[in-house]
């Protein structure tokens, strides 16, 4: 059974770090420090779940790439077809004459989805890649 009651604890930090944190709290629109700390803790726990390769996750892989790069589109297609069971949807955008943006929505075991992300972002011609993830089960 999960304990949903709030618990209080103290945190000590240098004044300069606290000022930067307070600026972040304000900039992000949090009502107070506690909300921001809870989000940071959830994020840290989420990153640890990536290490547990059997954790079910959902997220997105964002790729910016040069569509003129020889064989890149073929390589991306082969990779995605090999793991089609992990891919829920893709969106493709033409950013300018040379560049494309592709967003791939994924779901599966953390180790498999992360491997797919690494495979795609490391392809020659991909100029930027980012992997965002959330657990399917609540933290």
Protein backbone atom coordinates (compact mmCIF):
# COMPACT_ATOMS: atom_id res chain seq x y z
CA UNK A 1 0.00 0.00 0.00
CA UNK A 2 1.35 3.42 -0.97
CA UNK A 3 1.69 6.16 1.67
CA UNK A 4 0.28 9.33 0.10
CA UNK A 5 0.65 11.61 3.12
CA UNK A 6 3.10 14.46 2.76
CA UNK A 7 6.29 14.30 4.82
CA UNK A 8 8.51 17.25 5.68
CA UNK A 9 12.29 17.26 5.61
CA UNK A 10 14.97 19.93 5.58
CA UNK A 11 17.46 20.69 2.85
CA UNK A 12 20.64 22.71 3.33
CA UNK A 13 22.42 24.44 0.45
CA UNK A 14 24.68 27.36 -0.29
CA UNK A 15 23.02 30.75 -0.66
CA UNK A 16 24.11 31.17 -4.29
CA UNK A 17 22.66 27.77 -5.22
CA UNK A 18 19.42 28.57 -3.39
CA UNK A 19 19.09 31.90 -5.26
CA UNK A 20 19.51 30.06 -8.58
CA UNK A 21 16.98 27.45 -7.48
CA UNK A 22 14.49 30.15 -6.44
CA UNK A 23 14.93 31.77 -9.85
CA UNK A 24 14.20 28.40 -11.48
CA UNK A 25 11.14 27.91 -9.25
CA UNK A 26 9.80 31.31 -10.34
CA UNK A 27 10.74 30.87 -14.00
CA UNK A 28 9.07 27.44 -14.19
CA UNK A 29 5.92 28.78 -12.52
CA UNK A 30 6.00 26.63 -9.39
CA UNK A 31 4.02 27.98 -6.44
CA UNK A 32 6.73 26.94 -4.00
CA UNK A 33 10.05 25.13 -3.63
CA UNK A 34 8.39 21.89 -2.51
CA UNK A 35 6.64 21.42 -5.85
CA UNK A 36 9.93 21.93 -7.69
CA UNK A 37 11.80 19.52 -5.40
CA UNK A 38 9.11 16.85 -5.90
CA UNK A 39 9.49 17.17 -9.69
CA UNK A 40 13.28 16.94 -9.42
CA UNK A 41 13.00 13.81 -7.27
CA UNK A 42 10.56 12.22 -9.73
CA UNK A 43 12.96 13.00 -12.59
CA UNK A 44 15.89 11.46 -10.71
CA UNK A 45 13.87 8.33 -9.98
CA UNK A 46 12.80 8.15 -13.61
CA UNK A 47 16.42 8.27 -14.79
CA UNK A 48 17.24 5.43 -12.43
CA UNK A 49 14.43 3.32 -13.92
CA UNK A 50 16.25 3.52 -17.26
CA UNK A 51 18.94 1.41 -15.65
CA UNK A 52 16.27 -1.20 -14.88
CA UNK A 53 15.93 -2.34 -18.46
CA UNK A 54 12.67 -4.18 -17.83
CA UNK A 55 10.77 -1.05 -16.76
CA UNK A 56 7.93 -0.21 -19.18
CA UNK A 57 8.35 3.32 -20.52
CA UNK A 58 6.80 5.59 -23.11
CA UNK A 59 8.36 8.63 -24.70
CA UNK A 60 9.67 10.21 -27.85
CA UNK A 61 12.80 10.25 -29.93
CA UNK A 62 13.39 13.57 -31.67
CA UNK A 63 15.74 13.64 -34.64
CA UNK A 64 17.00 16.56 -36.73
CA UNK A 65 18.79 15.38 -39.82
CA UNK A 66 20.07 16.32 -43.25
CA UNK A 67 17.80 14.51 -45.69
CA UNK A 68 20.51 14.78 -48.36
CA UNK A 69 22.76 12.43 -46.36
CA UNK A 70 23.29 9.37 -48.53
CA UNK A 71 21.38 6.26 -47.38
CA UNK A 72 20.19 7.91 -44.15
CA UNK A 73 16.48 7.59 -44.88
CA UNK A 74 16.90 3.94 -45.88
CA UNK A 75 18.88 3.19 -42.72
CA UNK A 76 16.28 4.92 -40.53
CA UNK A 77 13.47 2.99 -42.19
CA UNK A 78 15.19 -0.39 -41.78
CA UNK A 79 15.94 0.29 -38.10
CA UNK A 80 12.36 1.36 -37.39
CA UNK A 81 10.85 -1.61 -39.20
CA UNK A 82 13.07 -3.99 -37.23
CA UNK A 83 11.53 -2.72 -33.98
CA UNK A 84 8.07 -1.73 -35.20
CA UNK A 85 6.54 -3.15 -32.01
CA UNK A 86 8.19 -0.29 -30.04
CA UNK A 87 6.93 2.50 -32.31
CA UNK A 88 3.46 3.93 -31.77
CA UNK A 89 3.65 6.80 -34.27
CA UNK A 90 5.99 9.01 -36.28
CA UNK A 91 5.68 12.59 -37.45
CA UNK A 92 7.89 14.07 -40.13
CA UNK A 93 8.44 17.79 -40.75
CA UNK A 94 10.41 19.62 -43.42
CA UNK A 95 12.23 22.34 -41.47
CA UNK A 96 13.99 23.89 -44.46
CA UNK A 97 15.46 22.86 -47.81
CA UNK A 98 18.09 20.59 -46.21
CA UNK A 99 16.79 19.66 -42.77
CA UNK A 100 14.02 17.45 -41.46
CA UNK A 101 12.60 16.89 -38.00
CA UNK A 102 11.21 13.51 -37.09
CA UNK A 103 9.38 12.71 -33.87
CA UNK A 104 9.00 9.03 -33.05
CA UNK A 105 6.59 8.09 -30.26
CA UNK A 106 7.75 4.91 -28.54
CA UNK A 107 6.67 2.48 -25.85
CA UNK A 108 8.36 -0.63 -24.51
CA UNK A 109 11.03 -1.93 -22.18
CA UNK A 110 13.51 0.77 -21.22
CA UNK A 111 16.56 -1.08 -22.54
CA UNK A 112 14.96 -1.72 -25.94
CA UNK A 113 13.67 1.82 -26.41
CA UNK A 114 16.95 3.34 -25.27
CA UNK A 115 18.86 1.08 -27.67
CA UNK A 116 16.61 2.26 -30.51
CA UNK A 117 17.25 5.87 -29.56
CA UNK A 118 21.03 5.34 -29.53
CA UNK A 119 20.88 3.54 -32.87
CA UNK A 120 18.97 6.37 -34.55
CA UNK A 121 20.75 9.34 -33.00
CA UNK A 122 24.18 7.95 -33.87
CA UNK A 123 23.45 7.65 -37.60
CA UNK A 124 25.62 9.73 -39.91
CA UNK A 125 23.56 12.74 -40.98
CA UNK A 126 21.60 13.07 -37.73
CA UNK A 127 22.65 16.48 -36.43
CA UNK A 128 20.67 16.36 -33.19
CA UNK A 129 18.83 13.68 -31.28
CA UNK A 130 16.99 13.70 -27.99
CA UNK A 131 15.22 10.99 -26.05
CA UNK A 132 12.42 11.94 -23.67
CA UNK A 133 10.80 9.35 -21.51
CA UNK A 134 8.15 8.81 -18.86
CA UNK A 135 7.31 5.67 -16.95
CA UNK A 136 4.10 3.96 -17.98
CA UNK A 137 3.51 3.12 -14.33
CA UNK A 138 3.37 6.06 -11.95
CA UNK A 139 6.40 6.81 -9.81
